[in-house]
Amino acid sequence: MDSVSDSDSTSDSISDSVSDSDSNNESGYLPKTGDENGSYNEVGGMLVGLGMMAAIATKKRKEKKEN
């Protein structure tokens, strides 16, 4: 019977922690996730992609000229 009471206390503690996290969301509090430089990362990724496309296009042009 001890295992039943242990599982009950575990489910109670889980439900308490869930209700605590719900109360944080209701108050308008959101945790900081560290995504402060998102726009810089997006611009950087686009520049890298454009650079790769330019390098491929240049390589193909050189190959066409040689043939």
PDB file of N, CA and C in Angstrom:
ATOM      1  N   MET A   1       0.804  -1.190   0.000  1.00  0.00           N
ATOM      2  CA  MET A   1       0.000   0.000   0.000  1.00  0.00           C
ATOM      3  C   MET A   1       0.851   1.260   0.000  1.00  0.00           C
ATOM      4  N   ASP A   2       2.106   1.147   0.362  1.00  0.00           N
ATOM      5  CA  ASP A   2       2.981   2.315   0.371  1.00  0.00           C
ATOM      6  C   ASP A   2       3.188   2.869  -1.038  1.00  0.00           C
ATOM      7  N   SER A   3       3.253   1.984  -2.019  1.00  0.00           N
ATOM      8  CA  SER A   3       3.481   2.453  -3.384  1.00  0.00           C
ATOM      9  C   SER A   3       2.309   3.292  -3.893  1.00  0.00           C
ATOM     10  N   VAL A   4       1.123   2.983  -3.446  1.00  0.00           N
ATOM     11  CA  VAL A   4      -0.049   3.771  -3.847  1.00  0.00           C
ATOM     12  C   VAL A   4       0.027   5.163  -3.246  1.00  0.00           C
ATOM     13  N   SER A   5       0.377   5.266  -1.998  1.00  0.00           N
ATOM     14  CA  SER A   5       0.463   6.582  -1.361  1.00  0.00           C
ATOM     15  C   SER A   5       1.620   7.387  -1.944  1.00  0.00           C
ATOM     16  N   ASP A   6       2.710   6.719  -2.334  1.00  0.00           N
ATOM     17  CA  ASP A   6       3.832   7.411  -2.971  1.00  0.00           C
ATOM     18  C   ASP A   6       3.422   7.985  -4.315  1.00  0.00           C
ATOM     19  N   SER A   7       2.673   7.223  -5.090  1.00  0.00           N
ATOM     20  CA  SER A   7       2.242   7.718  -6.389  1.00  0.00           C
ATOM     21  C   SER A   7       1.259   8.868  -6.245  1.00  0.00           C
ATOM     22  N   ASP A   8       0.435   8.816  -5.182  1.00  0.00           N
ATOM     23  CA  ASP A   8      -0.494   9.918  -4.928  1.00  0.00           C
ATOM     24  C   ASP A   8       0.264  11.192  -4.589  1.00  0.00           C
ATOM     25  N   SER A   9       1.283  11.083  -3.758  1.00  0.00           N
ATOM     26  CA  SER A   9       2.046  12.276  -3.386  1.00  0.00           C
ATOM     27  C   SER A   9       2.824  12.806  -4.578  1.00  0.00           C
ATOM     28  N   THR A  10       3.288  11.918  -5.442  1.00  0.00           N
ATOM     29  CA  THR A  10       3.991  12.346  -6.646  1.00  0.00           C
ATOM     30  C   THR A  10       3.058  13.080  -7.583  1.00  0.00           C
ATOM     31  N   SER A  11       1.857  12.558  -7.771  1.00  0.00           N
ATOM     32  CA  SER A  11       0.902  13.227  -8.650  1.00  0.00           C
ATOM     33  C   SER A  11       0.468  14.560  -8.070  1.00  0.00           C
ATOM     34  N   ASP A  12       0.376  14.639  -6.719  1.00  0.00           N
ATOM     35  CA  ASP A  12       0.041  15.917  -6.091  1.00  0.00           C
ATOM     36  C   ASP A  12       1.134  16.941  -6.331  1.00  0.00           C
ATOM     37  N   SER A  13       2.394  16.536  -6.201  1.00  0.00           N
ATOM     38  CA  SER A  13       3.490  17.484  -6.395  1.00  0.00           C
ATOM     39  C   SER A  13       3.585  17.914  -7.854  1.00  0.00           C
ATOM     40  N   ILE A  14       3.287  17.015  -8.779  1.00  0.00           N
ATOM     41  CA  ILE A  14       3.293  17.369 -10.204  1.00  0.00           C
ATOM     42  C   ILE A  14       2.176  18.344 -10.498  1.00  0.00           C
ATOM     43  N   SER A  15       0.994  18.104  -9.966  1.00  0.00           N
ATOM     44  CA  SER A  15      -0.127  19.010 -10.218  1.00  0.00           C
ATOM     45  C   SER A  15       0.132  20.368  -9.577  1.00  0.00           C
ATOM     46  N   ASP A  16       0.815  20.392  -8.429  1.00  0.00           N
ATOM     47  CA  ASP A  16       1.173  21.669  -7.803  1.00  0.00           C
ATOM     48  C   ASP A  16       2.141  22.445  -8.677  1.00  0.00           C
ATOM     49  N   SER A  17       3.134  21.773  -9.241  1.00  0.00           N
ATOM     50  CA  SER A  17       4.107  22.480 -10.067  1.00  0.00           C
ATOM     51  C   SER A  17       3.473  22.961 -11.369  1.00  0.00           C
ATOM     52  N   VAL A  18       2.524  22.207 -11.909  1.00  0.00           N
ATOM     53  CA  VAL A  18       1.820  22.635 -13.118  1.00  0.00           C
ATOM     54  C   VAL A  18       0.974  23.853 -12.820  1.00  0.00           C
ATOM     55  N   SER A  19       0.277  23.846 -11.692  1.00  0.00           N
ATOM     56  CA  SER A  19      -0.559  25.000 -11.352  1.00  0.00           C
ATOM     57  C   SER A  19       0.306  26.214 -11.063  1.00  0.00           C
ATOM     58  N   ASP A  20       1.506  26.026 -10.520  1.00  0.00           N
ATOM     59  CA  ASP A  20       2.422  27.143 -10.291  1.00  0.00           C
ATOM     60  C   ASP A  20       2.869  27.750 -11.605  1.00  0.00           C
ATOM     61  N   SER A  21       3.173  26.918 -12.595  1.00  0.00           N
ATOM     62  CA  SER A  21       3.613  27.446 -13.882  1.00  0.00           C
ATOM     63  C   SER A  21       2.462  28.139 -14.609  1.00  0.00           C
ATOM     64  N   ASP A  22       1.233  27.645 -14.420  1.00  0.00           N
ATOM     65  CA  ASP A  22       0.076  28.298 -15.020  1.00  0.00           C
ATOM     66  C   ASP A  22      -0.128  29.689 -14.423  1.00  0.00           C
ATOM     67  N   SER A  23       0.086  29.814 -13.126  1.00  0.00           N
ATOM     68  CA  SER A  23      -0.113  31.115 -12.492  1.00  0.00           C
ATOM     69  C   SER A  23       0.913  32.119 -12.988  1.00  0.00           C
ATOM     70  N   ASN A  24       2.117  31.683 -13.349  1.00  0.00           N
ATOM     71  CA  ASN A  24       3.123  32.588 -13.907  1.00  0.00           C
ATOM     72  C   ASN A  24       2.676  33.114 -15.257  1.00  0.00           C
ATOM     73  N   ASN A  25       2.070  32.280 -16.065  1.00  0.00           N
ATOM     74  CA  ASN A  25       1.628  32.707 -17.387  1.00  0.00           C
ATOM     75  C   ASN A  25       0.461  33.670 -17.305  1.00  0.00           C
ATOM     76  N   GLU A  26      -0.397  33.497 -16.321  1.00  0.00           N
ATOM     77  CA  GLU A  26      -1.544  34.377 -16.167  1.00  0.00           C
ATOM     78  C   GLU A  26      -1.121  35.785 -15.771  1.00  0.00           C
ATOM     79  N   SER A  27      -0.007  35.905 -15.068  1.00  0.00           N
ATOM     80  CA  SER A  27       0.444  37.221 -14.618  1.00  0.00           C
ATOM     81  C   SER A  27       1.179  37.969 -15.725  1.00  0.00           C
ATOM     82  N   GLY A  28       1.379  37.359 -16.867  1.00  0.00           N
ATOM     83  CA  GLY A  28       2.044  38.017 -17.982  1.00  0.00           C
ATOM     84  C   GLY A  28       3.544  37.823 -17.974  1.00  0.00           C
ATOM     85  N   TYR A  29       4.063  37.045 -17.064  1.00  0.00           N
ATOM     86  CA  TYR A  29       5.499  36.797 -16.974  1.00  0.00           C
ATOM     87  C   TYR A  29       5.901  35.716 -17.962  1.00  0.00           C
ATOM     88  N   LEU A  30       6.897  36.004 -18.780  1.00  0.00           N
ATOM     89  CA  LEU A  30       7.461  34.998 -19.671  1.00  0.00           C
ATOM     90  C   LEU A  30       8.951  34.869 -19.373  1.00  0.00           C
ATOM     91  N   PRO A  31       9.474  33.670 -19.349  1.00  0.00           N
ATOM     92  CA  PRO A  31      10.894  33.511 -19.052  1.00  0.00           C
ATOM     93  C   PRO A  31      11.758  34.011 -20.206  1.00  0.00           C
ATOM     94  N   LYS A  32      12.941  34.492 -19.879  1.00  0.00           N
ATOM     95  CA  LYS A  32      13.885  34.912 -20.907  1.00  0.00           C
ATOM     96  C   LYS A  32      14.522  33.661 -21.503  1.00  0.00           C
ATOM     97  N   THR A  33      14.488  33.551 -22.812  1.00  0.00           N
ATOM     98  CA  THR A  33      14.994  32.353 -23.468  1.00  0.00           C
ATOM     99  C   THR A  33      16.345  32.565 -24.110  1.00  0.00           C
ATOM    100  N   GLY A  34      16.889  33.779 -24.051  1.00  0.00           N
ATOM    101  CA  GLY A  34      18.207  34.040 -24.605  1.00  0.00           C
ATOM    102  C   GLY A  34      18.187  34.357 -26.079  1.00  0.00           C
ATOM    103  N   ASP A  35      17.047  34.642 -26.639  1.00  0.00           N
ATOM    104  CA  ASP A  35      16.939  34.934 -28.065  1.00  0.00           C
ATOM    105  C   ASP A  35      16.916  36.442 -28.271  1.00  0.00           C
ATOM    106  N   GLU A  36      18.019  37.105 -27.912  1.00  0.00           N
ATOM    107  CA  GLU A  36      18.086  38.555 -28.032  1.00  0.00           C
ATOM    108  C   GLU A  36      18.662  38.998 -29.370  1.00  0.00           C
ATOM    109  N   ASN A  37      19.448  38.144 -30.015  1.00  0.00           N
ATOM    110  CA  ASN A  37      20.111  38.507 -31.259  1.00  0.00           C
ATOM    111  C   ASN A  37      19.490  37.800 -32.459  1.00  0.00           C
ATOM    112  N   GLY A  38      18.217  37.550 -32.411  1.00  0.00           N
ATOM    113  CA  GLY A  38      17.551  36.805 -33.469  1.00  0.00           C
ATOM    114  C   GLY A  38      17.643  37.471 -34.819  1.00  0.00           C
ATOM    115  N   SER A  39      17.431  38.766 -34.890  1.00  0.00           N
ATOM    116  CA  SER A  39      17.462  39.446 -36.182  1.00  0.00           C
ATOM    117  C   SER A  39      18.879  39.481 -36.746  1.00  0.00           C
ATOM    118  N   TYR A  40      19.881  39.602 -35.892  1.00  0.00           N
ATOM    119  CA  TYR A  40      21.266  39.587 -36.366  1.00  0.00           C
ATOM    120  C   TYR A  40      21.614  38.213 -36.946  1.00  0.00           C
ATOM    121  N   ASN A  41      21.143  37.181 -36.307  1.00  0.00           N
ATOM    122  CA  ASN A  41      21.401  35.834 -36.807  1.00  0.00           C
ATOM    123  C   ASN A  41      20.719  35.612 -38.152  1.00  0.00           C
ATOM    124  N   GLU A  42      19.522  36.126 -38.310  1.00  0.00           N
ATOM    125  CA  GLU A  42      18.803  35.965 -39.575  1.00  0.00           C
ATOM    126  C   GLU A  42      19.512  36.699 -40.705  1.00  0.00           C
ATOM    127  N   VAL A  43      19.940  37.917 -40.442  1.00  0.00           N
ATOM    128  CA  VAL A  43      20.652  38.692 -41.461  1.00  0.00           C
ATOM    129  C   VAL A  43      21.972  38.016 -41.805  1.00  0.00           C
ATOM    130  N   GLY A  44      22.675  37.531 -40.806  1.00  0.00           N
ATOM    131  CA  GLY A  44      23.932  36.817 -41.039  1.00  0.00           C
ATOM    132  C   GLY A  44      23.731  35.578 -41.884  1.00  0.00           C
ATOM    133  N   GLY A  45      22.678  34.841 -41.599  1.00  0.00           N
ATOM    134  CA  GLY A  45      22.377  33.637 -42.380  1.00  0.00           C
ATOM    135  C   GLY A  45      22.048  33.958 -43.820  1.00  0.00           C
ATOM    136  N   MET A  46      21.329  35.049 -44.024  1.00  0.00           N
ATOM    137  CA  MET A  46      21.002  35.453 -45.402  1.00  0.00           C
ATOM    138  C   MET A  46      22.257  35.869 -46.149  1.00  0.00           C
ATOM    139  N   LEU A  47      23.158  36.587 -45.480  1.00  0.00           N
ATOM    140  CA  LEU A  47      24.401  37.006 -46.139  1.00  0.00           C
ATOM    141  C   LEU A  47      25.272  35.808 -46.507  1.00  0.00           C
ATOM    142  N   VAL A  48      25.338  34.834 -45.631  1.00  0.00           N
ATOM    143  CA  VAL A  48      26.098  33.617 -45.929  1.00  0.00           C
ATOM    144  C   VAL A  48      25.489  32.899 -47.120  1.00  0.00           C
ATOM    145  N   GLY A  49      24.169  32.792 -47.142  1.00  0.00           N
ATOM    146  CA  GLY A  49      23.486  32.137 -48.262  1.00  0.00           C
ATOM    147  C   GLY A  49      23.725  32.864 -49.580  1.00  0.00           C
ATOM    148  N   LEU A  50      23.635  34.187 -49.556  1.00  0.00           N
ATOM    149  CA  LEU A  50      23.894  34.959 -50.776  1.00  0.00           C
ATOM    150  C   LEU A  50      25.336  34.816 -51.227  1.00  0.00           C
ATOM    151  N   GLY A  51      26.267  34.794 -50.284  1.00  0.00           N
ATOM    152  CA  GLY A  51      27.675  34.601 -50.626  1.00  0.00           C
ATOM    153  C   GLY A  51      27.928  33.253 -51.266  1.00  0.00           C
ATOM    154  N   MET A  52      27.280  32.226 -50.755  1.00  0.00           N
ATOM    155  CA  MET A  52      27.437  30.885 -51.335  1.00  0.00           C
ATOM    156  C   MET A  52      26.860  30.842 -52.742  1.00  0.00           C
ATOM    157  N   MET A  53      25.711  31.479 -52.944  1.00  0.00           N
ATOM    158  CA  MET A  53      25.114  31.497 -54.283  1.00  0.00           C
ATOM    159  C   MET A  53      26.003  32.259 -55.249  1.00  0.00           C
ATOM    160  N   ALA A  54      26.605  33.359 -54.814  1.00  0.00           N
ATOM    161  CA  ALA A  54      27.503  34.128 -55.676  1.00  0.00           C
ATOM    162  C   ALA A  54      28.740  33.308 -56.026  1.00  0.00           C
ATOM    163  N   ALA A  55      29.280  32.574 -55.072  1.00  0.00           N
ATOM    164  CA  ALA A  55      30.459  31.744 -55.334  1.00  0.00           C
ATOM    165  C   ALA A  55      30.134  30.640 -56.334  1.00  0.00           C
ATOM    166  N   ILE A  56      28.987  30.021 -56.210  1.00  0.00           N
ATOM    167  CA  ILE A  56      28.588  28.965 -57.146  1.00  0.00           C
ATOM    168  C   ILE A  56      28.379  29.543 -58.542  1.00  0.00           C
ATOM    169  N   ALA A  57      27.728  30.706 -58.619  1.00  0.00           N
ATOM    170  CA  ALA A  57      27.491  31.337 -59.926  1.00  0.00           C
ATOM    171  C   ALA A  57      28.810  31.710 -60.588  1.00  0.00           C
ATOM    172  N   THR A  58      29.766  32.229 -59.818  1.00  0.00           N
ATOM    173  CA  THR A  58      31.073  32.597 -60.368  1.00  0.00           C
ATOM    174  C   THR A  58      31.801  31.362 -60.879  1.00  0.00           C
ATOM    175  N   LYS A  59      31.734  30.283 -60.135  1.00  0.00           N
ATOM    176  CA  LYS A  59      32.396  29.037 -60.544  1.00  0.00           C
ATOM    177  C   LYS A  59      31.792  28.514 -61.837  1.00  0.00           C
ATOM    178  N   LYS A  60      30.474  28.580 -61.964  1.00  0.00           N
ATOM    179  CA  LYS A  60      29.819  28.093 -63.179  1.00  0.00           C
ATOM    180  C   LYS A  60      30.177  28.963 -64.373  1.00  0.00           C
ATOM    181  N   ARG A  61      30.278  30.267 -64.193  1.00  0.00           N
ATOM    182  CA  ARG A  61      30.655  31.168 -65.286  1.00  0.00           C
ATOM    183  C   ARG A  61      32.061  30.864 -65.760  1.00  0.00           C
ATOM    184  N   LYS A  62      32.979  30.619 -64.828  1.00  0.00           N
ATOM    185  CA  LYS A  62      34.355  30.283 -65.207  1.00  0.00           C
ATOM    186  C   LYS A  62      34.409  28.987 -65.972  1.00  0.00           C
ATOM    187  N   GLU A  63      33.603  28.008 -65.560  1.00  0.00           N
ATOM    188  CA  GLU A  63      33.571  26.709 -66.242  1.00  0.00           C
ATOM    189  C   GLU A  63      33.029  26.875 -67.669  1.00  0.00           C
ATOM    190  N   LYS A  64      32.028  27.741 -67.870  1.00  0.00           N
ATOM    191  CA  LYS A  64      31.465  27.968 -69.201  1.00  0.00           C
ATOM    192  C   LYS A  64      32.474  28.655 -70.092  1.00  0.00           C
ATOM    193  N   LYS A  65      33.244  29.606 -69.547  1.00  0.00           N
ATOM    194  CA  LYS A  65      34.234  30.322 -70.326  1.00  0.00           C
ATOM    195  C   LYS A  65      35.327  29.394 -70.820  1.00  0.00           C
ATOM    196  N   GLU A  66      35.746  28.449 -69.985  1.00  0.00           N
ATOM    197  CA  GLU A  66      36.811  27.514 -70.344  1.00  0.00           C
ATOM    198  C   GLU A  66      36.365  26.562 -71.447  1.00  0.00           C
ATOM    199  N   ASN A  67      35.108  26.249 -71.508  1.00  0.00           N
ATOM    200  CA  ASN A  67      34.624  25.299 -72.512  1.00  0.00           C
ATOM    201  C   ASN A  67      34.386  26.030 -73.758  1.00  0.00           C
TER     202      ASN A  67
END
